[in-house]
Protein backbone atom coordinates (compact mmCIF):
# COMPACT_ATOMS: atom_id res chain seq x y z
CA MET A 1 0.00 0.00 0.06
CA ALA A 2 1.29 3.35 -1.02
CA PHE A 3 1.99 5.89 1.67
CA THR A 4 -0.42 8.77 1.37
CA VAL A 5 -1.20 11.77 3.57
CA THR A 6 -4.40 13.72 3.54
CA ARG A 7 -4.06 17.27 4.60
CA SER A 8 -6.63 19.69 6.24
CA SER A 9 -7.27 23.13 4.65
CA GLY A 10 -5.04 24.61 7.36
CA ASP A 11 -5.55 27.34 9.85
CA VAL A 12 -3.83 30.34 11.36
CA ILE A 13 -2.68 30.12 14.94
CA GLN A 14 -2.43 33.59 16.54
CA PRO A 15 -0.97 34.54 19.95
CA SER A 16 -3.34 33.73 22.79
CA GLU A 17 -2.98 37.24 24.14
CA SER A 18 -2.28 40.68 22.72
CA THR A 19 1.38 41.22 21.78
CA PRO A 20 3.63 44.19 21.12
CA SER A 21 3.41 45.65 17.72
CA GLY A 22 6.06 47.56 15.60
CA THR A 23 9.03 46.71 13.60
CA LEU A 24 12.14 44.93 14.78
CA SER A 25 15.57 44.95 13.26
CA LEU A 26 17.57 41.82 12.42
CA SER A 27 21.24 41.31 13.11
CA ILE A 28 23.89 41.44 10.41
CA ILE A 29 24.06 37.64 10.63
CA ASP A 30 20.30 37.23 10.25
CA ARG A 31 20.38 39.44 7.18
CA LEU A 32 23.23 37.56 5.34
CA PRO A 33 22.10 36.54 1.90
CA MET A 34 22.60 32.89 2.70
CA MET A 35 20.32 33.15 5.82
CA VAL A 36 17.59 34.94 3.74
CA ALA A 37 17.56 32.25 1.09
CA LEU A 38 17.71 29.23 3.53
CA ASP A 39 14.58 27.39 4.90
CA MET A 40 14.90 25.16 7.92
CA HIS A 41 12.88 21.92 7.84
CA THR A 42 12.90 19.61 10.90
CA VAL A 43 10.53 16.50 11.34
CA HIS A 44 9.85 15.01 14.77
CA ILE A 45 8.50 11.46 14.95
CA PHE A 46 6.59 10.66 18.28
CA ARG A 47 5.39 7.27 19.21
CA ARG A 48 2.15 8.32 20.93
CA GLY A 49 0.09 11.32 21.62
CA GLU A 50 -3.52 12.02 22.91
CA GLU A 51 -5.22 14.64 20.76
CA PRO A 52 -1.87 15.97 19.78
CA ALA A 53 -3.11 18.59 17.28
CA LYS A 54 -5.37 20.26 20.03
CA VAL A 55 -2.62 20.15 22.61
CA ILE A 56 0.19 21.44 20.45
CA SER A 57 -1.86 24.05 18.66
CA GLU A 58 -2.98 25.54 22.00
CA ALA A 59 0.61 25.40 23.33
CA LEU A 60 1.75 27.17 20.05
CA SER A 61 -0.64 29.91 20.68
CA LYS A 62 0.57 30.44 24.10
CA ALA A 63 4.21 30.32 23.10
CA LEU A 64 3.66 33.00 20.43
CA VAL A 65 2.92 35.56 23.24
CA LEU A 66 6.59 35.12 24.26
CA TYR A 67 7.90 34.63 20.80
CA TYR A 68 5.74 37.16 19.22
CA PRO A 69 8.05 38.07 16.42
CA LEU A 70 7.45 34.56 14.98
CA ALA A 71 3.73 35.60 14.57
CA GLY A 72 4.66 38.54 12.36
CA ARG A 73 6.06 38.83 8.83
CA PHE A 74 9.15 39.66 7.01
CA ILE A 75 9.32 43.12 5.37
CA LYS A 76 11.91 45.38 3.71
CA SER A 77 12.78 48.69 4.98
CA SER A 78 13.12 51.83 2.66
CA ASP A 79 16.77 50.89 2.43
CA GLY A 80 15.99 47.41 1.32
CA GLU A 81 16.98 45.90 4.83
CA LEU A 82 15.14 42.75 5.92
CA GLN A 83 12.99 43.43 9.18
CA VAL A 84 10.20 41.76 11.14
CA ASP A 85 6.85 43.43 11.35
CA CYS A 86 5.27 42.28 14.56
CA THR A 87 1.67 42.15 13.25
CA GLY A 88 0.55 39.24 15.41
CA GLU A 89 -1.03 37.55 12.27
CA GLY A 90 0.20 34.03 13.52
CA LEU A 91 1.90 30.94 12.13
CA TRP A 92 0.26 28.49 9.75
CA PHE A 93 -0.87 25.07 11.11
CA ILE A 94 -1.96 22.09 9.11
CA GLU A 95 -3.36 19.01 10.55
CA ALA A 96 -3.12 15.78 8.43
CA SER A 97 -3.61 12.04 8.57
CA ALA A 98 -1.54 9.18 7.15
CA ASN A 99 -3.01 5.90 5.78
CA CYS A 100 -0.65 3.68 7.75
CA SER A 101 0.92 3.13 11.18
CA LEU A 102 4.34 4.46 12.21
CA GLU A 103 5.41 1.02 13.04
CA SER A 104 4.72 -0.15 9.53
CA LEU A 105 7.31 2.49 8.37
CA ASN A 106 9.74 1.54 11.23
CA TYR A 107 9.34 5.09 12.48
CA PHE A 108 11.09 6.35 9.31
CA ASP A 109 14.23 4.64 10.18
CA ASP A 110 14.72 3.88 6.54
CA ILE A 111 14.43 7.48 5.52
CA LEU A 112 14.84 6.85 1.80
CA SER A 113 11.91 4.49 1.51
CA VAL A 114 9.10 7.15 2.31
CA PRO A 115 8.31 10.36 0.39
CA GLN A 116 9.11 12.86 3.23
CA ASP A 117 7.61 15.89 1.41
CA GLU A 118 4.22 14.58 2.36
CA LEU A 119 5.03 15.51 5.87
CA LEU A 120 5.96 19.08 5.23
CA PRO A 121 3.47 21.93 5.56
CA THR A 122 2.20 23.65 2.35
CA SER A 123 1.89 27.39 2.20
CA PRO A 124 -1.56 29.06 3.01
CA PRO A 125 -3.74 30.01 0.02
CA LYS A 126 -3.35 33.51 -1.21
CA SER A 127 -6.94 34.23 0.11
CA TYR A 128 -5.68 34.16 3.58
CA GLY A 129 -3.54 37.30 2.71
CA ILE A 130 -0.48 36.19 4.99
CA ASP A 131 2.97 35.22 4.45
CA PRO A 132 3.82 33.36 7.71
CA ILE A 133 7.32 33.18 9.05
CA VAL A 134 6.41 29.67 10.64
CA LYS A 135 4.52 26.81 9.18
CA VAL A 136 3.77 23.58 10.92
CA GLN A 137 2.26 20.23 9.87
CA LEU A 138 1.00 17.69 12.44
CA THR A 139 0.40 14.27 10.79
CA ARG A 140 -1.53 11.69 12.70
CA PHE A 141 -0.92 7.94 11.82
CA ALA A 142 -3.18 4.93 11.97
CA CYS A 143 -1.75 4.35 15.43
CA GLU A 144 -1.21 6.51 18.55
CA GLY A 145 1.77 8.20 16.94
CA PHE A 146 2.30 11.44 15.02
CA ALA A 147 4.84 13.55 13.06
CA LEU A 148 5.39 17.24 13.60
CA ALA A 149 7.04 19.12 10.70
CA TYR A 150 8.38 22.61 11.44
CA ASN A 151 9.37 25.04 8.75
CA THR A 152 10.75 28.52 8.97
CA LYS A 153 13.33 30.90 7.28
CA HIS A 154 16.71 30.76 8.70
CA SER A 155 16.84 34.49 9.17
CA ILE A 156 14.52 34.37 12.20
CA SER A 157 16.62 31.80 14.25
CA ASP A 158 19.35 29.40 13.92
CA GLY A 159 19.20 25.61 15.00
CA LEU A 160 19.75 26.41 18.69
CA GLY A 161 16.97 29.07 18.62
CA THR A 162 14.43 26.69 16.80
CA ALA A 163 15.02 23.98 19.23
CA GLN A 164 14.60 26.34 22.13
CA PHE A 165 11.20 27.48 20.74
CA LEU A 166 10.00 23.87 20.19
CA ASN A 167 11.19 22.86 23.79
CA ASP A 168 9.26 25.89 25.25
CA VAL A 169 6.27 24.85 23.36
CA GLY A 170 6.66 21.36 24.79
CA GLU A 171 6.93 22.76 28.32
CA ILE A 172 3.79 24.85 27.87
CA ALA A 173 1.96 21.86 26.45
CA ARG A 174 2.97 19.93 29.72
CA GLY A 175 1.44 22.70 31.90
CA PHE A 176 4.48 25.17 32.62
CA LEU A 177 3.30 28.63 33.30
CA HIS A 178 6.63 29.98 32.34
CA PRO A 179 9.08 28.01 30.16
CA THR A 180 12.46 27.28 31.70
CA THR A 181 14.33 29.40 29.03
CA ALA A 182 12.67 32.70 28.39
CA PRO A 183 13.16 34.02 24.86
CA VAL A 184 15.48 37.05 24.28
CA TRP A 185 15.37 38.99 20.93
CA ASP A 186 18.37 41.30 21.67
CA ARG A 187 19.61 41.26 17.97
CA GLU A 188 21.23 44.59 18.63
CA ALA A 189 23.64 42.89 20.99
CA ILE A 190 25.46 41.62 17.94
CA PRO A 191 27.56 44.69 16.89
CA THR A 192 27.68 45.89 13.38
CA SER A 193 30.36 48.23 12.38
CA ALA A 194 29.62 50.84 9.70
CA ARG A 195 32.08 49.14 7.41
CA LEU A 196 30.51 45.75 7.88
CA ALA A 197 27.05 47.12 7.27
CA ARG A 198 28.41 48.67 4.09
CA THR A 199 30.03 45.54 2.96
CA TYR A 200 26.86 43.38 3.36
CA GLY A 201 24.16 45.99 3.05
CA GLN A 202 25.19 47.50 -0.39
CA PRO A 203 22.83 46.87 -3.26
CA ARG A 204 23.95 43.93 -5.35
CA ASN A 205 23.85 43.87 -9.11
CA PRO A 206 21.67 40.86 -9.92
CA HIS A 207 23.79 40.49 -13.27
CA ALA A 208 26.95 40.12 -11.05
CA LEU A 209 25.62 37.28 -8.85
CA PRO A 210 27.36 33.93 -9.44
CA ILE A 211 25.57 31.24 -11.29
CA MET A 212 24.37 28.76 -8.62
CA PRO A 213 25.86 25.22 -9.57
CA ASN A 214 23.60 22.19 -9.81
CA PHE A 215 25.68 19.20 -8.81
CA GLU A 216 22.63 16.74 -8.82
CA LEU A 217 23.46 15.72 -5.36
CA GLN A 218 22.00 12.48 -4.09
CA HIS A 219 20.47 11.67 -0.68
CA ALA A 220 22.59 8.96 1.28
CA PRO A 221 22.37 8.40 4.94
CA ILE A 222 25.38 6.92 6.89
CA ASP A 223 24.97 5.45 10.42
CA VAL A 224 27.98 5.38 12.80
CA SER A 225 27.63 3.45 16.22
CA GLN A 226 28.77 5.08 19.45
CA ASP A 227 31.31 2.21 19.98
CA GLN A 228 33.01 3.19 16.75
CA ILE A 229 33.13 6.81 17.83
CA ASN A 230 34.49 6.12 21.25
CA LYS A 231 37.25 3.93 19.81
CA VAL A 232 38.65 7.00 17.90
CA LYS A 233 38.14 9.30 20.91
CA ASN A 234 40.16 6.94 23.11
CA LYS A 235 42.87 6.56 20.50
CA PHE A 236 43.08 10.46 20.02
CA LEU A 237 43.34 10.77 23.81
CA GLU A 238 46.09 8.21 23.99
CA THR A 239 48.08 9.61 21.03
CA THR A 240 47.84 13.33 21.95
CA GLY A 241 46.79 13.53 25.48
CA ASN A 242 43.80 15.70 24.39
CA TYR A 243 40.09 15.33 24.25
CA CYS A 244 38.05 15.34 20.85
CA SER A 245 34.46 15.55 20.40
CA THR A 246 31.99 13.23 18.56
CA PHE A 247 31.69 16.10 15.96
CA ASP A 248 35.45 16.05 15.46
CA VAL A 249 35.55 12.40 14.81
CA ILE A 250 32.53 12.23 12.41
CA VAL A 251 33.41 15.20 10.34
CA ALA A 252 37.07 14.10 9.93
CA ALA A 253 35.98 10.57 8.92
CA LEU A 254 33.19 11.72 6.47
CA TRP A 255 35.42 14.42 4.80
CA ARG A 256 38.34 11.86 4.24
CA HIS A 257 35.79 9.15 3.04
CA ARG A 258 34.10 11.55 0.51
CA THR A 259 37.48 12.71 -0.69
CA GLN A 260 38.66 9.17 -1.29
CA VAL A 261 35.47 8.46 -3.35
CA LEU A 262 36.00 11.53 -5.44
CA ASN A 263 39.43 10.14 -6.51
CA LEU A 264 40.87 13.65 -7.30
CA ASP A 265 44.39 14.44 -8.33
CA ARG A 266 46.71 14.71 -5.24
CA ASP A 267 47.27 18.44 -5.63
CA ILE A 268 43.76 19.58 -5.86
CA ASN A 269 42.62 21.42 -2.79
CA VAL A 270 39.41 20.24 -0.98
CA ASN A 271 37.34 22.46 1.47
CA LEU A 272 35.52 21.64 4.71
CA VAL A 273 32.99 24.24 5.90
CA PHE A 274 31.03 24.18 9.24
CA SER A 275 29.47 26.62 11.60
CA ALA A 276 30.70 27.44 15.17
CA ASN A 277 28.35 28.85 17.72
CA THR A 278 29.72 32.29 18.75
CA ARG A 279 27.29 33.36 21.39
CA LYS A 280 30.04 33.15 24.10
CA PHE A 281 32.62 35.21 22.04
CA LEU A 282 30.71 38.40 22.25
CA ASP A 283 31.63 40.97 24.84
CA PRO A 284 29.37 40.75 26.88
CA PRO A 285 28.25 37.12 25.83
CA LEU A 286 24.77 36.92 24.52
CA PRO A 287 22.12 36.15 27.22
CA GLU A 288 20.56 32.64 27.76
CA GLY A 289 17.40 32.56 25.63
CA PHE A 290 18.79 34.42 22.65
CA TYR A 291 17.12 32.63 19.60
CA GLY A 292 18.62 34.47 16.60
CA ASN A 293 21.53 33.53 14.52
CA CYS A 294 25.01 33.90 15.99
CA PHE A 295 27.51 31.62 14.29
CA TYR A 296 30.75 31.82 12.34
CA PRO A 297 31.67 29.61 9.39
CA VAL A 298 34.91 27.72 9.74
CA THR A 299 36.63 26.75 6.54
CA VAL A 300 39.49 24.18 6.31
CA THR A 301 41.43 23.74 3.04
CA ILE A 302 43.88 20.99 2.41
CA SER A 303 45.15 18.95 -0.59
CA SER A 304 43.28 15.93 -1.54
CA GLY A 305 46.47 13.84 -1.36
CA TRP A 306 47.18 14.77 2.13
CA LEU A 307 43.52 14.12 3.23
CA VAL A 308 43.13 10.68 1.80
CA GLU A 309 46.36 9.43 3.22
CA ALA A 310 46.11 10.94 6.64
CA ALA A 311 45.18 9.02 9.82
CA ILE A 312 41.91 9.92 11.37
CA THR A 313 43.73 11.53 14.30
CA GLU A 314 45.66 13.82 12.04
CA VAL A 315 42.44 15.01 10.41
CA VAL A 316 40.84 15.67 13.81
CA LYS A 317 43.89 17.76 14.76
CA LEU A 318 43.36 19.92 11.75
CA ILE A 319 39.64 20.47 12.46
CA LYS A 320 40.42 21.21 16.18
CA ALA A 321 42.99 23.71 15.22
CA ALA A 322 40.53 25.50 12.91
CA LYS A 323 37.90 25.60 15.64
CA ALA A 324 40.53 27.17 18.06
CA ARG A 325 40.88 30.14 15.75
CA VAL A 326 37.25 30.94 15.71
CA PRO A 327 37.17 33.61 18.55
CA THR A 328 39.96 35.70 16.91
CA GLU A 329 38.59 35.33 13.44
CA PHE A 330 35.06 36.05 14.60
CA THR A 331 36.08 39.28 16.41
CA LYS A 332 37.98 40.44 13.34
CA TRP A 333 35.01 39.90 11.02
CA LEU A 334 32.74 41.75 13.47
CA LYS A 335 35.14 44.71 13.49
CA CYS A 336 35.64 44.32 9.73
CA GLU A 337 39.48 44.17 10.26
CA GLU A 338 41.45 43.23 7.23
CA MET A 339 38.15 42.75 5.24
CA ASP A 340 39.82 44.11 2.03
CA ASP A 341 42.41 41.26 2.35
CA LEU A 342 40.01 38.45 3.26
CA ASP A 343 37.53 36.55 1.27
CA ASP A 344 33.93 36.71 2.63
CA PRO A 345 33.83 33.98 5.26
CA PHE A 346 30.10 33.51 4.88
CA ALA A 347 30.51 32.72 1.14
CA ALA A 348 31.28 29.09 0.95
CA PRO A 349 33.31 28.00 -2.12
CA LEU A 350 30.66 26.80 -4.71
CA ALA A 351 32.62 23.87 -5.86
CA TYR A 352 32.09 19.98 -5.88
CA THR A 353 35.36 19.84 -3.87
CA THR A 354 33.60 21.71 -0.93
CA LEU A 355 31.85 19.72 1.85
CA ALA A 356 29.59 21.68 4.21
CA ILE A 357 28.52 20.08 7.52
CA THR A 358 25.83 21.16 9.92
CA ASN A 359 25.58 19.66 13.47
CA TRP A 360 22.11 18.86 14.82
CA SER A 361 23.11 16.32 17.41
CA GLY A 362 23.47 18.78 20.31
CA LEU A 363 20.78 21.35 19.57
CA GLY A 364 18.12 19.91 21.67
CA PHE A 365 15.52 18.66 19.16
CA ASN A 366 15.67 15.28 20.64
CA GLN A 367 14.63 16.57 23.93
CA VAL A 368 11.34 18.15 22.90
CA ASN A 369 8.38 16.67 24.85
CA TYR A 370 4.75 17.68 24.53
CA GLY A 371 3.68 15.36 27.20
CA TRP A 372 4.18 11.93 25.72
CA GLY A 373 7.95 11.60 25.90
CA HIS A 374 10.76 12.58 23.60
CA PRO A 375 10.77 11.95 19.74
CA VAL A 376 11.93 8.47 18.64
CA HIS A 377 13.42 10.11 15.49
CA VAL A 378 14.31 13.57 14.38
CA PHE A 379 15.56 14.25 10.90
CA PRO A 380 16.02 17.14 8.46
CA ILE A 381 14.66 17.64 5.02
CA GLN A 382 17.21 19.34 2.93
CA GLY A 383 16.03 22.17 0.53
CA PHE A 384 19.39 23.77 -0.39
CA HIS A 385 21.61 21.81 -2.82
CA VAL A 386 24.23 24.45 -3.94
CA VAL A 387 26.96 23.05 -1.88
CA PRO A 388 27.63 19.31 -1.07
CA THR A 389 26.16 19.03 2.36
CA ALA A 390 25.78 16.64 5.32
CA ILE A 391 23.77 17.09 8.61
CA LEU A 392 24.90 15.36 11.68
CA GLY A 393 22.12 14.00 13.80
CA LEU A 394 21.30 11.13 16.30
CA LEU A 395 20.18 7.78 15.42
CA PRO A 396 16.54 6.83 16.09
CA THR A 397 16.07 5.62 19.71
CA PRO A 398 16.99 3.16 21.26
CA LYS A 399 20.06 3.10 19.00
CA GLN A 400 23.15 5.07 20.18
CA GLY A 401 25.35 6.80 17.85
CA ILE A 402 25.20 9.37 14.74
CA ARG A 403 23.15 9.35 11.69
CA LEU A 404 24.65 11.54 8.93
CA MET A 405 22.20 12.74 6.35
CA THR A 406 24.20 13.50 3.19
CA TRP A 407 23.60 15.33 -0.01
CA CYS A 408 27.17 15.49 -0.90
CA VAL A 409 27.78 13.23 -3.95
CA ASN A 410 26.19 12.94 -7.45
CA SER A 411 25.00 9.74 -9.03
CA ALA A 412 28.43 9.03 -10.53
CA HIS A 413 29.89 8.73 -6.93
CA LEU A 414 26.81 7.46 -5.12
CA SER A 415 27.60 3.82 -5.41
CA SER A 416 31.17 4.01 -4.24
CA PHE A 417 30.13 6.46 -1.47
CA GLY A 418 27.61 3.96 -0.17
CA ASP A 419 29.43 0.61 -0.75
CA GLN A 420 32.73 1.59 0.72
CA ALA A 421 32.50 1.62 4.68
CA MET A 422 33.52 4.95 6.16
CA ASN A 423 36.81 4.16 7.80
CA LEU A 424 37.22 5.39 11.29
CA SER A 425 40.90 4.37 11.78
């Protein structure tokens, strides 16, 4: 039987109380072109729920009182600067039903076997007259379980901020009068020098924009057990006397594995790009509860020949050294120091030899609880295929380890990429 989903006509969920009106400015990071262009899709699978649509929609309405900018809409200022108009219009909510049980789909463990787009919310009809910042679809299955799909523009929040919002909704659904983490807008706390504003705020000639590549990237998940990860961590500790993280291990292994599959000439450079959370590197650090974008892209470049022959511990050292430079480089970028001599750090090299990594494993998505326990599975749906990408998440419970959701090779390399085990030694 084919997997089908029947959607309701959808509805607008507004804040349960009156909220402040007016226009809010976004930070320089929120307004970066890559943020404006990028949507964030996250799907949470729950084993059970009692009237989940009613419970969660009511909790969303209450949460929007605190997160009232999410109930507004994006507008452009007279200078063309992206802003948030706090209209209180609300978010878009769709209730849907599937024709099968979650168990029959093994809780989406085999992510490639099910059309995931069926779980994503569609946009409201033009007759509603709104362009919501947040869209949600709750899909009930022929069991007690449900899937909640959340969609928003990256400009309003990063992964930490999105997970914070969903966790706060969960606490409200469970009866909390006030969530544990109160939201903080505070976008002006990220300083913007006049020079930095000019660099990113000046009008761009559309004819001068680079042509976006189409690498025809294929979806391929890779699972890594916690035992495999621990072996590398222990070896790194024994070899260097230093600690390395799960992220360091997985990224080093994937970058090397993908480069081996590409079979490049030895002297061709390959790029690794990942984002570092920079909340604590501001002076003063951003307050707890800040849900905007605050990160800095780390780029590591090395020759293909070095990477494919290096031991995993040597690649981890390279990644850790790049991470150690972030506080200094981020501060220089904010002050726009040496900007004329540096490439834009937020413009990833648009090449097939680039690999971009996003880390979801520690954001808090797997801790969301609407009253019936944590999700058994959380996964992204990628909507941006300009740069070869991988998203690092957790394996579905009760498994322990990492699941890499990758869109980083084309069909010519897909077979080798999947058939050759990713070497963690």
